[in-house]
Amino acid sequence: MVSGQTEKLALVKYRGGGDWYANPSALSNLSEFCNSQIGSSLNPDYATVEMGSSEIFEYPFLHLTGHGNIIFDKQEADNLKRYLEAGGFVHIDDNYGMDEFIRPELNRIFGEGKLQLLSADHPIFKGPFNFQEGLPKIHEHDGQAPEAWGLFIDGRLALVYTYECDLSDGWEDPEVHHDPEDVRLKALQMGANLIHYAFNGSFL
């Protein structure tokens, strides 16, 4: 059972060749933002874990990002399912180029059609910060509308996949992408909503 008592977020190091390490300052900045804005007590020194390791059960929030290929073997897939079933929360952020790889993997593990497009009225967009139109657009990429896809375990939103958004790029140090301050703020606020939901919706 995931304890939910840790005060660190965790970045997942995955196999397949994708750059899982793409946004090194993202989780630290998000942790600090959450501490100052929503009263959390996260350690900005986030953990790095592998999906097949028992270590993932020590962290209530796992984050995956990157631009390329991602592969889960049977042990990793089984571990991911057990983690979610135990109350864990996973955020996967397509950093542009991951979509063609991660969707088939999730469909293989959980079954076709399990990912559901989240509407703008889902609670994850309502608090602590209100996003009336749903997921904010952070980087243009192909110019498509940003989408948040959810995977539910026993009725609980356990995994969120953000696409055409690049949310975690907006969490990076300002000088990395030179995002306008209002865009970066939206990214951090949406990240805080994910953290709030993960902790309050799953563990308390």
N, C-alpha and C. Protein backbone atom coordinates (compact mmCIF):
# COMPACT_ATOMS: atom_id res chain seq x y z
N MET A 1 0.84 -1.20 0.00
CA MET A 1 0.00 0.00 0.00
C MET A 1 0.87 1.24 0.00
N VAL A 2 0.55 2.21 -0.85
CA VAL A 2 1.28 3.46 -0.86
C VAL A 2 0.98 4.20 0.43
N SER A 3 1.99 4.68 1.09
CA SER A 3 1.79 5.30 2.40
C SER A 3 1.25 6.71 2.31
N GLY A 4 1.72 7.48 1.31
CA GLY A 4 1.30 8.85 1.18
C GLY A 4 1.96 9.78 2.18
N GLN A 5 2.89 9.28 2.99
CA GLN A 5 3.49 10.10 4.03
C GLN A 5 4.77 10.78 3.58
N THR A 6 5.32 10.39 2.44
CA THR A 6 6.54 11.02 1.97
C THR A 6 6.26 12.46 1.56
N GLU A 7 7.29 13.29 1.63
CA GLU A 7 7.14 14.68 1.22
C GLU A 7 7.98 14.96 -0.02
N LYS A 8 8.25 13.94 -0.81
CA LYS A 8 8.97 14.11 -2.06
C LYS A 8 8.11 13.64 -3.23
N LEU A 9 8.24 14.34 -4.34
CA LEU A 9 7.71 13.85 -5.60
C LEU A 9 8.77 12.96 -6.24
N ALA A 10 8.38 12.18 -7.23
CA ALA A 10 9.33 11.27 -7.86
C ALA A 10 9.26 11.34 -9.38
N LEU A 11 10.42 11.40 -10.00
CA LEU A 11 10.56 11.36 -11.45
C LEU A 11 10.89 9.93 -11.85
N VAL A 12 10.18 9.42 -12.86
CA VAL A 12 10.40 8.04 -13.30
C VAL A 12 11.43 7.98 -14.42
N LYS A 13 12.46 7.18 -14.19
CA LYS A 13 13.46 6.86 -15.22
C LYS A 13 12.98 5.61 -15.94
N TYR A 14 12.70 5.74 -17.23
CA TYR A 14 12.13 4.62 -17.98
C TYR A 14 13.08 4.18 -19.09
N ARG A 15 12.78 3.01 -19.66
CA ARG A 15 13.61 2.46 -20.74
C ARG A 15 12.99 2.80 -22.10
N GLY A 16 13.76 2.58 -23.16
CA GLY A 16 13.27 2.78 -24.51
C GLY A 16 14.03 3.82 -25.29
N GLY A 17 14.81 4.65 -24.60
CA GLY A 17 15.61 5.65 -25.29
C GLY A 17 15.09 7.07 -25.17
N GLY A 18 13.89 7.24 -24.64
CA GLY A 18 13.35 8.58 -24.45
C GLY A 18 14.10 9.34 -23.36
N ASP A 19 14.09 10.67 -23.46
CA ASP A 19 14.85 11.49 -22.51
C ASP A 19 14.00 11.77 -21.26
N TRP A 20 13.93 10.79 -20.39
CA TRP A 20 13.15 10.89 -19.15
C TRP A 20 13.64 12.04 -18.27
N TYR A 21 14.87 12.49 -18.48
CA TYR A 21 15.54 13.52 -17.67
C TYR A 21 15.35 14.91 -18.26
N ALA A 22 14.40 15.09 -19.17
CA ALA A 22 14.32 16.29 -20.00
C ALA A 22 14.17 17.59 -19.23
N ASN A 23 13.46 17.58 -18.11
CA ASN A 23 13.17 18.83 -17.40
C ASN A 23 13.69 18.76 -15.97
N PRO A 24 14.99 18.91 -15.77
CA PRO A 24 15.59 18.64 -14.46
C PRO A 24 15.15 19.58 -13.34
N SER A 25 14.74 20.80 -13.66
CA SER A 25 14.35 21.73 -12.60
C SER A 25 12.84 21.76 -12.36
N ALA A 26 12.09 21.01 -13.14
CA ALA A 26 10.63 21.13 -13.11
C ALA A 26 10.02 20.75 -11.77
N LEU A 27 10.31 19.57 -11.27
CA LEU A 27 9.68 19.10 -10.04
C LEU A 27 10.12 19.90 -8.82
N SER A 28 11.36 20.34 -8.82
CA SER A 28 11.83 21.18 -7.71
C SER A 28 11.05 22.48 -7.66
N ASN A 29 10.89 23.13 -8.82
CA ASN A 29 10.16 24.39 -8.87
C ASN A 29 8.69 24.20 -8.53
N LEU A 30 8.10 23.09 -9.02
CA LEU A 30 6.71 22.83 -8.70
C LEU A 30 6.53 22.61 -7.20
N SER A 31 7.45 21.88 -6.59
CA SER A 31 7.38 21.64 -5.15
C SER A 31 7.43 22.95 -4.37
N GLU A 32 8.34 23.83 -4.76
CA GLU A 32 8.47 25.10 -4.07
C GLU A 32 7.24 25.98 -4.28
N PHE A 33 6.67 25.94 -5.47
CA PHE A 33 5.46 26.70 -5.73
C PHE A 33 4.30 26.19 -4.87
N CYS A 34 4.16 24.88 -4.80
CA CYS A 34 3.08 24.30 -3.99
C CYS A 34 3.26 24.65 -2.51
N ASN A 35 4.49 24.64 -2.05
CA ASN A 35 4.75 24.99 -0.65
C ASN A 35 4.33 26.42 -0.35
N SER A 36 4.59 27.31 -1.28
CA SER A 36 4.30 28.73 -1.03
C SER A 36 2.86 29.10 -1.31
N GLN A 37 2.20 28.34 -2.21
CA GLN A 37 0.87 28.76 -2.65
C GLN A 37 -0.29 27.92 -2.13
N ILE A 38 -0.06 26.65 -1.83
CA ILE A 38 -1.18 25.82 -1.38
C ILE A 38 -0.89 25.13 -0.05
N GLY A 39 0.19 25.55 0.63
CA GLY A 39 0.45 25.06 1.98
C GLY A 39 0.97 23.65 2.08
N SER A 40 1.57 23.13 1.02
CA SER A 40 2.16 21.79 1.09
C SER A 40 3.52 21.88 1.77
N SER A 41 4.11 20.73 2.03
CA SER A 41 5.45 20.70 2.66
C SER A 41 6.32 19.72 1.91
N LEU A 42 6.46 19.94 0.62
CA LEU A 42 7.23 19.05 -0.25
C LEU A 42 8.72 19.39 -0.20
N ASN A 43 9.54 18.36 -0.23
CA ASN A 43 10.98 18.53 -0.32
C ASN A 43 11.33 18.77 -1.79
N PRO A 44 11.89 19.93 -2.15
CA PRO A 44 12.22 20.20 -3.55
C PRO A 44 13.24 19.22 -4.14
N ASP A 45 13.97 18.52 -3.29
CA ASP A 45 14.93 17.52 -3.74
C ASP A 45 14.18 16.23 -4.08
N TYR A 46 13.59 16.20 -5.27
CA TYR A 46 12.74 15.08 -5.66
C TYR A 46 13.56 13.79 -5.87
N ALA A 47 12.85 12.68 -5.85
CA ALA A 47 13.49 11.38 -6.04
C ALA A 47 13.47 10.98 -7.51
N THR A 48 14.37 10.08 -7.89
CA THR A 48 14.36 9.45 -9.21
C THR A 48 14.20 7.95 -9.01
N VAL A 49 13.19 7.36 -9.63
CA VAL A 49 12.87 5.95 -9.41
C VAL A 49 12.68 5.25 -10.76
N GLU A 50 12.79 3.94 -10.74
CA GLU A 50 12.51 3.13 -11.92
C GLU A 50 11.17 2.42 -11.73
N MET A 51 10.41 2.28 -12.81
CA MET A 51 9.05 1.77 -12.69
C MET A 51 8.99 0.36 -12.13
N GLY A 52 10.02 -0.43 -12.38
CA GLY A 52 10.02 -1.80 -11.89
C GLY A 52 10.45 -1.96 -10.45
N SER A 53 10.83 -0.86 -9.81
CA SER A 53 11.35 -0.92 -8.45
C SER A 53 10.24 -0.79 -7.41
N SER A 54 10.45 -1.41 -6.27
CA SER A 54 9.50 -1.27 -5.16
C SER A 54 9.53 0.14 -4.59
N GLU A 55 10.55 0.92 -4.94
CA GLU A 55 10.67 2.30 -4.43
C GLU A 55 9.48 3.17 -4.84
N ILE A 56 8.82 2.86 -5.95
CA ILE A 56 7.73 3.73 -6.39
C ILE A 56 6.61 3.78 -5.34
N PHE A 57 6.49 2.74 -4.54
CA PHE A 57 5.43 2.70 -3.53
C PHE A 57 5.70 3.63 -2.35
N GLU A 58 6.88 4.23 -2.33
CA GLU A 58 7.21 5.18 -1.27
C GLU A 58 6.77 6.60 -1.62
N TYR A 59 6.29 6.80 -2.87
CA TYR A 59 5.97 8.15 -3.33
C TYR A 59 4.54 8.19 -3.87
N PRO A 60 3.74 9.13 -3.38
CA PRO A 60 2.34 9.21 -3.82
C PRO A 60 2.15 9.86 -5.18
N PHE A 61 3.21 10.47 -5.73
CA PHE A 61 3.10 11.17 -7.00
C PHE A 61 4.30 10.83 -7.87
N LEU A 62 4.05 10.20 -9.01
CA LEU A 62 5.08 9.88 -9.98
C LEU A 62 4.89 10.74 -11.23
N HIS A 63 6.00 11.22 -11.78
CA HIS A 63 5.96 12.08 -12.96
C HIS A 63 6.85 11.48 -14.04
N LEU A 64 6.31 11.39 -15.27
CA LEU A 64 7.07 10.92 -16.43
C LEU A 64 6.98 11.98 -17.51
N THR A 65 8.10 12.24 -18.17
CA THR A 65 8.09 13.17 -19.29
C THR A 65 9.16 12.76 -20.29
N GLY A 66 9.23 13.47 -21.41
CA GLY A 66 10.24 13.18 -22.42
C GLY A 66 9.71 13.41 -23.81
N HIS A 67 10.60 13.22 -24.79
CA HIS A 67 10.27 13.48 -26.19
C HIS A 67 10.19 12.21 -27.04
N GLY A 68 10.56 11.07 -26.50
CA GLY A 68 10.70 9.91 -27.37
C GLY A 68 10.13 8.63 -26.84
N ASN A 69 10.80 7.54 -27.17
CA ASN A 69 10.29 6.19 -26.92
C ASN A 69 10.27 5.84 -25.44
N ILE A 70 9.28 5.06 -25.07
CA ILE A 70 9.16 4.58 -23.70
C ILE A 70 8.63 3.15 -23.75
N ILE A 71 9.25 2.27 -22.97
CA ILE A 71 8.89 0.85 -22.97
C ILE A 71 8.74 0.36 -21.53
N PHE A 72 7.67 -0.40 -21.28
CA PHE A 72 7.49 -1.06 -20.00
C PHE A 72 7.50 -2.57 -20.23
N ASP A 73 8.39 -3.29 -19.53
CA ASP A 73 8.33 -4.75 -19.61
C ASP A 73 7.23 -5.24 -18.67
N LYS A 74 7.05 -6.57 -18.59
CA LYS A 74 5.95 -7.12 -17.81
C LYS A 74 6.06 -6.73 -16.34
N GLN A 75 7.26 -6.80 -15.79
CA GLN A 75 7.44 -6.46 -14.38
C GLN A 75 7.08 -5.00 -14.13
N GLU A 76 7.52 -4.12 -15.02
CA GLU A 76 7.23 -2.69 -14.86
C GLU A 76 5.74 -2.41 -15.02
N ALA A 77 5.13 -3.09 -16.01
CA ALA A 77 3.69 -2.91 -16.23
C ALA A 77 2.89 -3.38 -15.02
N ASP A 78 3.25 -4.54 -14.49
CA ASP A 78 2.56 -5.07 -13.31
C ASP A 78 2.76 -4.17 -12.10
N ASN A 79 3.97 -3.62 -11.97
CA ASN A 79 4.27 -2.73 -10.85
C ASN A 79 3.45 -1.45 -10.95
N LEU A 80 3.33 -0.92 -12.16
CA LEU A 80 2.54 0.28 -12.37
C LEU A 80 1.08 0.05 -12.00
N LYS A 81 0.52 -1.08 -12.42
CA LYS A 81 -0.87 -1.40 -12.10
C LYS A 81 -1.06 -1.52 -10.59
N ARG A 82 -0.13 -2.20 -9.93
CA ARG A 82 -0.25 -2.37 -8.47
C ARG A 82 -0.15 -1.02 -7.77
N TYR A 83 0.74 -0.18 -8.25
CA TYR A 83 0.92 1.15 -7.66
C TYR A 83 -0.38 1.97 -7.74
N LEU A 84 -0.98 1.97 -8.91
CA LEU A 84 -2.22 2.73 -9.08
C LEU A 84 -3.35 2.13 -8.25
N GLU A 85 -3.42 0.82 -8.22
CA GLU A 85 -4.47 0.16 -7.44
C GLU A 85 -4.30 0.40 -5.95
N ALA A 86 -3.06 0.67 -5.51
CA ALA A 86 -2.79 0.92 -4.10
C ALA A 86 -3.04 2.37 -3.71
N GLY A 87 -3.42 3.21 -4.66
CA GLY A 87 -3.71 4.60 -4.34
C GLY A 87 -2.74 5.61 -4.89
N GLY A 88 -1.75 5.16 -5.66
CA GLY A 88 -0.78 6.08 -6.22
C GLY A 88 -1.34 6.91 -7.36
N PHE A 89 -0.64 7.97 -7.69
CA PHE A 89 -1.05 8.89 -8.75
C PHE A 89 0.12 9.10 -9.70
N VAL A 90 -0.16 9.02 -11.01
CA VAL A 90 0.87 9.20 -12.04
C VAL A 90 0.48 10.34 -12.96
N HIS A 91 1.44 11.23 -13.22
CA HIS A 91 1.26 12.26 -14.24
C HIS A 91 2.27 12.01 -15.34
N ILE A 92 1.78 11.85 -16.56
CA ILE A 92 2.62 11.69 -17.74
C ILE A 92 2.45 12.92 -18.60
N ASP A 93 3.56 13.57 -18.93
CA ASP A 93 3.51 14.81 -19.71
C ASP A 93 4.29 14.63 -21.00
N ASP A 94 3.58 14.66 -22.13
CA ASP A 94 4.23 14.56 -23.42
C ASP A 94 5.00 15.85 -23.68
N ASN A 95 6.32 15.70 -23.74
CA ASN A 95 7.19 16.84 -23.94
C ASN A 95 7.40 17.13 -25.43
N TYR A 96 6.55 16.52 -26.24
CA TYR A 96 6.53 16.61 -27.70
C TYR A 96 7.33 15.46 -28.31
N GLY A 97 6.62 14.43 -28.72
CA GLY A 97 7.25 13.28 -29.35
C GLY A 97 7.02 11.97 -28.61
N MET A 98 6.40 12.03 -27.42
CA MET A 98 6.16 10.83 -26.63
C MET A 98 4.83 10.15 -26.99
N ASP A 99 3.90 10.90 -27.56
CA ASP A 99 2.53 10.41 -27.71
C ASP A 99 2.43 9.09 -28.46
N GLU A 100 3.15 8.97 -29.57
CA GLU A 100 3.04 7.75 -30.38
C GLU A 100 3.57 6.52 -29.68
N PHE A 101 4.31 6.71 -28.60
CA PHE A 101 4.86 5.59 -27.84
C PHE A 101 4.07 5.30 -26.57
N ILE A 102 3.67 6.34 -25.85
CA ILE A 102 3.05 6.11 -24.55
C ILE A 102 1.61 5.61 -24.67
N ARG A 103 0.86 6.09 -25.65
CA ARG A 103 -0.52 5.62 -25.77
C ARG A 103 -0.60 4.11 -26.01
N PRO A 104 0.17 3.56 -26.96
CA PRO A 104 0.12 2.10 -27.14
C PRO A 104 0.53 1.34 -25.88
N GLU A 105 1.50 1.86 -25.13
CA GLU A 105 1.92 1.19 -23.90
C GLU A 105 0.79 1.18 -22.88
N LEU A 106 0.13 2.31 -22.70
CA LEU A 106 -0.97 2.37 -21.75
C LEU A 106 -2.14 1.49 -22.20
N ASN A 107 -2.41 1.48 -23.51
CA ASN A 107 -3.48 0.62 -24.02
C ASN A 107 -3.15 -0.85 -23.82
N ARG A 108 -1.87 -1.19 -23.99
CA ARG A 108 -1.45 -2.58 -23.79
C ARG A 108 -1.59 -3.00 -22.34
N ILE A 109 -1.26 -2.12 -21.42
CA ILE A 109 -1.27 -2.46 -20.00
C ILE A 109 -2.69 -2.46 -19.44
N PHE A 110 -3.47 -1.43 -19.80
CA PHE A 110 -4.77 -1.25 -19.16
C PHE A 110 -5.96 -1.60 -20.06
N GLY A 111 -5.71 -1.75 -21.36
CA GLY A 111 -6.78 -2.08 -22.28
C GLY A 111 -7.19 -0.88 -23.13
N GLU A 112 -7.60 -1.17 -24.36
CA GLU A 112 -8.03 -0.11 -25.28
C GLU A 112 -9.22 0.64 -24.69
N GLY A 113 -9.21 1.94 -24.85
CA GLY A 113 -10.34 2.74 -24.44
C GLY A 113 -10.38 3.12 -22.98
N LYS A 114 -9.37 2.73 -22.21
CA LYS A 114 -9.36 3.06 -20.78
C LYS A 114 -9.02 4.53 -20.55
N LEU A 115 -8.18 5.09 -21.42
CA LEU A 115 -7.88 6.52 -21.30
C LEU A 115 -9.12 7.31 -21.73
N GLN A 116 -9.53 8.24 -20.90
CA GLN A 116 -10.71 9.05 -21.19
C GLN A 116 -10.32 10.53 -21.21
N LEU A 117 -10.82 11.24 -22.20
CA LEU A 117 -10.56 12.67 -22.29
C LEU A 117 -11.31 13.37 -21.16
N LEU A 118 -10.58 14.15 -20.36
CA LEU A 118 -11.19 14.84 -19.22
C LEU A 118 -11.80 16.16 -19.68
N SER A 119 -13.04 16.37 -19.34
CA SER A 119 -13.71 17.62 -19.69
C SER A 119 -13.28 18.73 -18.74
N ALA A 120 -13.56 19.96 -19.15
CA ALA A 120 -13.13 21.12 -18.37
C ALA A 120 -13.83 21.22 -17.03
N ASP A 121 -14.92 20.47 -16.83
CA ASP A 121 -15.62 20.53 -15.55
C ASP A 121 -15.13 19.48 -14.56
N HIS A 122 -14.07 18.74 -14.91
CA HIS A 122 -13.54 17.77 -13.95
C HIS A 122 -12.93 18.51 -12.76
N PRO A 123 -13.06 17.96 -11.55
CA PRO A 123 -12.54 18.62 -10.34
C PRO A 123 -11.05 18.97 -10.41
N ILE A 124 -10.29 18.26 -11.22
CA ILE A 124 -8.85 18.52 -11.27
C ILE A 124 -8.55 19.91 -11.84
N PHE A 125 -9.53 20.49 -12.54
CA PHE A 125 -9.36 21.84 -13.10
C PHE A 125 -9.99 22.93 -12.22
N LYS A 126 -10.57 22.53 -11.10
CA LYS A 126 -11.35 23.48 -10.30
C LYS A 126 -10.65 23.96 -9.03
N GLY A 127 -9.63 23.27 -8.59
CA GLY A 127 -9.01 23.74 -7.36
C GLY A 127 -7.68 23.07 -7.10
N PRO A 128 -6.86 23.81 -6.38
CA PRO A 128 -7.03 25.13 -5.77
C PRO A 128 -7.17 26.28 -6.79
N PHE A 129 -6.73 26.06 -8.04
CA PHE A 129 -6.81 27.12 -9.06
C PHE A 129 -7.83 26.71 -10.11
N ASN A 130 -8.64 27.67 -10.52
CA ASN A 130 -9.76 27.38 -11.42
C ASN A 130 -9.36 27.61 -12.88
N PHE A 131 -9.47 26.57 -13.69
CA PHE A 131 -9.22 26.65 -15.12
C PHE A 131 -10.54 26.36 -15.83
N GLN A 132 -11.26 27.39 -16.17
CA GLN A 132 -12.60 27.23 -16.72
C GLN A 132 -12.60 26.48 -18.05
N GLU A 133 -11.50 26.60 -18.80
CA GLU A 133 -11.44 25.96 -20.11
C GLU A 133 -10.64 24.66 -20.06
N GLY A 134 -10.32 24.20 -18.88
CA GLY A 134 -9.56 22.96 -18.75
C GLY A 134 -8.06 23.19 -18.85
N LEU A 135 -7.35 22.21 -19.36
CA LEU A 135 -5.89 22.24 -19.39
C LEU A 135 -5.36 23.45 -20.15
N PRO A 136 -4.45 24.23 -19.55
CA PRO A 136 -3.90 25.40 -20.25
C PRO A 136 -2.89 24.99 -21.32
N LYS A 137 -2.74 25.84 -22.31
CA LYS A 137 -1.76 25.64 -23.37
C LYS A 137 -0.46 26.33 -22.96
N ILE A 138 0.64 25.57 -22.87
CA ILE A 138 1.91 26.15 -22.45
C ILE A 138 2.84 26.37 -23.65
N HIS A 139 3.07 25.33 -24.46
CA HIS A 139 3.87 25.48 -25.68
C HIS A 139 3.04 25.09 -26.89
N GLU A 140 3.34 25.69 -28.03
CA GLU A 140 2.50 25.54 -29.21
C GLU A 140 2.57 24.14 -29.84
N HIS A 141 3.80 23.63 -30.05
CA HIS A 141 3.96 22.33 -30.72
C HIS A 141 3.25 22.35 -32.06
N ASP A 142 2.23 21.52 -32.24
CA ASP A 142 1.54 21.46 -33.54
C ASP A 142 0.34 22.40 -33.59
N GLY A 143 0.19 23.23 -32.58
CA GLY A 143 -0.90 24.19 -32.58
C GLY A 143 -2.25 23.60 -32.23
N GLN A 144 -2.28 22.36 -31.80
CA GLN A 144 -3.55 21.73 -31.43
C GLN A 144 -3.96 22.15 -30.02
N ALA A 145 -5.22 21.93 -29.72
CA ALA A 145 -5.72 22.24 -28.39
C ALA A 145 -5.11 21.29 -27.37
N PRO A 146 -4.77 21.78 -26.18
CA PRO A 146 -4.22 20.89 -25.14
C PRO A 146 -5.29 19.92 -24.66
N GLU A 147 -4.85 18.72 -24.32
CA GLU A 147 -5.77 17.68 -23.87
C GLU A 147 -5.24 17.02 -22.61
N ALA A 148 -6.13 16.75 -21.69
CA ALA A 148 -5.81 15.96 -20.50
C ALA A 148 -6.62 14.68 -20.56
N TRP A 149 -5.92 13.56 -20.53
CA TRP A 149 -6.55 12.25 -20.57
C TRP A 149 -6.40 11.59 -19.21
N GLY A 150 -7.43 10.92 -18.78
CA GLY A 150 -7.41 10.29 -17.47
C GLY A 150 -7.62 8.80 -17.53
N LEU A 151 -7.02 8.10 -16.58
CA LEU A 151 -7.24 6.68 -16.41
C LEU A 151 -7.78 6.47 -14.99
N PHE A 152 -8.92 5.80 -14.90
CA PHE A 152 -9.61 5.64 -13.63
C PHE A 152 -9.44 4.22 -13.09
N ILE A 153 -9.18 4.13 -11.80
CA ILE A 153 -9.09 2.86 -11.09
C ILE A 153 -10.17 2.85 -10.02
N ASP A 154 -11.14 1.96 -10.17
CA ASP A 154 -12.27 1.88 -9.23
C ASP A 154 -12.92 3.25 -9.04
N GLY A 155 -13.08 3.98 -10.12
CA GLY A 155 -13.75 5.26 -10.08
C GLY A 155 -12.87 6.44 -9.69
N ARG A 156 -11.65 6.17 -9.30
CA ARG A 156 -10.72 7.23 -8.89
C ARG A 156 -9.79 7.59 -10.04
N LEU A 157 -9.63 8.87 -10.29
CA LEU A 157 -8.66 9.31 -11.29
C LEU A 157 -7.26 9.04 -10.77
N ALA A 158 -6.59 8.07 -11.39
CA ALA A 158 -5.29 7.61 -10.88
C ALA A 158 -4.12 8.03 -11.76
N LEU A 159 -4.39 8.33 -13.02
CA LEU A 159 -3.33 8.71 -13.96
C LEU A 159 -3.85 9.82 -14.84
N VAL A 160 -3.05 10.84 -15.03
CA VAL A 160 -3.37 11.94 -15.94
C VAL A 160 -2.26 12.04 -16.98
N TYR A 161 -2.66 12.04 -18.24
CA TYR A 161 -1.72 12.19 -19.35
C TYR A 161 -2.02 13.52 -20.04
N THR A 162 -1.07 14.43 -20.03
CA THR A 162 -1.24 15.73 -20.66
C THR A 162 -0.55 15.76 -22.02
N TYR A 163 -1.30 16.21 -23.04
CA TYR A 163 -0.87 16.14 -24.44
C TYR A 163 -1.08 17.50 -25.11
N GLU A 164 -0.15 17.87 -26.00
CA GLU A 164 -0.19 19.16 -26.70
C GLU A 164 -0.24 20.32 -25.72
N CYS A 165 0.50 20.17 -24.65
CA CYS A 165 0.49 21.19 -23.60
C CYS A 165 1.90 21.51 -23.14
N ASP A 166 2.67 20.46 -22.85
CA ASP A 166 4.05 20.61 -22.35
C ASP A 166 4.06 21.29 -20.99
N LEU A 167 3.20 20.79 -20.12
CA LEU A 167 3.00 21.40 -18.81
C LEU A 167 4.30 21.53 -18.03
N SER A 168 5.10 20.45 -18.00
CA SER A 168 6.29 20.47 -17.16
C SER A 168 7.39 21.37 -17.71
N ASP A 169 7.36 21.71 -19.00
CA ASP A 169 8.28 22.73 -19.51
C ASP A 169 8.02 24.06 -18.81
N GLY A 170 6.75 24.31 -18.51
CA GLY A 170 6.39 25.54 -17.83
C GLY A 170 6.80 25.57 -16.37
N TRP A 171 7.17 24.42 -15.82
CA TRP A 171 7.66 24.36 -14.45
C TRP A 171 9.17 24.62 -14.37
N GLU A 172 9.84 24.56 -15.49
CA GLU A 172 11.29 24.71 -15.53
C GLU A 172 11.71 26.12 -15.11
N ASP A 173 13.01 26.28 -14.81
CA ASP A 173 13.56 27.60 -14.51
C ASP A 173 13.21 28.57 -15.63
N PRO A 174 12.87 29.82 -15.33
CA PRO A 174 12.39 30.77 -16.34
C PRO A 174 13.33 30.94 -17.53
N GLU A 175 14.64 30.87 -17.28
CA GLU A 175 15.59 31.11 -18.37
C GLU A 175 15.72 29.94 -19.34
N VAL A 176 15.12 28.81 -19.03
CA VAL A 176 15.23 27.64 -19.91
C VAL A 176 14.41 27.83 -21.18
N HIS A 177 13.14 28.19 -21.03
CA HIS A 177 12.25 28.33 -22.19
C HIS A 177 11.78 29.75 -22.43
N HIS A 178 12.09 30.64 -21.49
CA HIS A 178 11.71 32.06 -21.62
C HIS A 178 10.21 32.23 -21.83
N ASP A 179 9.42 31.42 -21.15
CA ASP A 179 7.97 31.56 -21.23
C ASP A 179 7.54 32.87 -20.59
N PRO A 180 6.51 33.52 -21.14
CA PRO A 180 5.94 34.68 -20.46
C PRO A 180 5.53 34.30 -19.04
N GLU A 181 5.63 35.25 -18.13
CA GLU A 181 5.36 34.95 -16.72
C GLU A 181 3.95 34.43 -16.50
N ASP A 182 2.97 34.95 -17.24
CA ASP A 182 1.60 34.49 -17.05
C ASP A 182 1.42 33.06 -17.52
N VAL A 183 2.15 32.67 -18.57
CA VAL A 183 2.07 31.29 -19.06
C VAL A 183 2.73 30.33 -18.06
N ARG A 184 3.88 30.72 -17.56
CA ARG A 184 4.58 29.89 -16.58
C ARG A 184 3.74 29.75 -15.31
N LEU A 185 3.07 30.83 -14.91
CA LEU A 185 2.21 30.77 -13.73
C LEU A 185 1.07 29.79 -13.93
N LYS A 186 0.46 29.80 -15.11
CA LYS A 186 -0.61 28.85 -15.39
C LYS A 186 -0.12 27.41 -15.29
N ALA A 187 1.09 27.17 -15.80
CA ALA A 187 1.66 25.82 -15.73
C ALA A 187 1.85 25.37 -14.29
N LEU A 188 2.40 26.26 -13.47
CA LEU A 188 2.63 25.92 -12.07
C LEU A 188 1.31 25.75 -11.32
N GLN A 189 0.34 26.59 -11.62
CA GLN A 189 -0.96 26.46 -10.96
C GLN A 189 -1.64 25.14 -11.33
N MET A 190 -1.56 24.76 -12.60
CA MET A 190 -2.14 23.49 -13.01
C MET A 190 -1.39 22.33 -12.37
N GLY A 191 -0.09 22.45 -12.26
CA GLY A 191 0.69 21.44 -11.56
C GLY A 191 0.28 21.33 -10.10
N ALA A 192 0.01 22.47 -9.47
CA ALA A 192 -0.44 22.47 -8.08
C ALA A 192 -1.79 21.77 -7.96
N ASN A 193 -2.66 21.94 -8.94
CA ASN A 193 -3.94 21.22 -8.92
C ASN A 193 -3.71 19.71 -8.96
N LEU A 194 -2.76 19.27 -9.78
CA LEU A 194 -2.44 17.84 -9.84
C LEU A 194 -1.94 17.34 -8.50
N ILE A 195 -1.04 18.09 -7.88
CA ILE A 195 -0.50 17.70 -6.58
C ILE A 195 -1.61 17.66 -5.53
N HIS A 196 -2.43 18.69 -5.51
CA HIS A 196 -3.53 18.75 -4.54
C HIS A 196 -4.46 17.55 -4.70
N TYR A 197 -4.80 17.24 -5.95
CA TYR A 197 -5.70 16.11 -6.19
C TYR A 197 -5.04 14.80 -5.79
N ALA A 198 -3.78 14.65 -6.14
CA ALA A 198 -3.07 13.40 -5.83
C ALA A 198 -3.05 13.13 -4.33
N PHE A 199 -2.75 14.14 -3.55
CA PHE A 199 -2.65 13.96 -2.11
C PHE A 199 -4.00 13.91 -1.42
N ASN A 200 -4.89 14.80 -1.79
CA ASN A 200 -6.17 14.87 -1.11
C ASN A 200 -7.19 13.89 -1.65
N GLY A 201 -7.08 13.60 -2.94
CA GLY A 201 -8.04 12.67 -3.53
C GLY A 201 -7.70 11.22 -3.29
N SER A 202 -6.42 10.92 -3.03
CA SER A 202 -5.98 9.53 -2.95
C SER A 202 -5.60 9.07 -1.56
N PHE A 203 -5.19 9.99 -0.69
CA PHE A 203 -4.52 9.53 0.52
C PHE A 203 -5.15 10.02 1.82
N LEU A 204 -5.94 11.08 1.77
CA LEU A 204 -6.44 11.66 3.02
C LEU A 204 -7.91 11.34 3.21
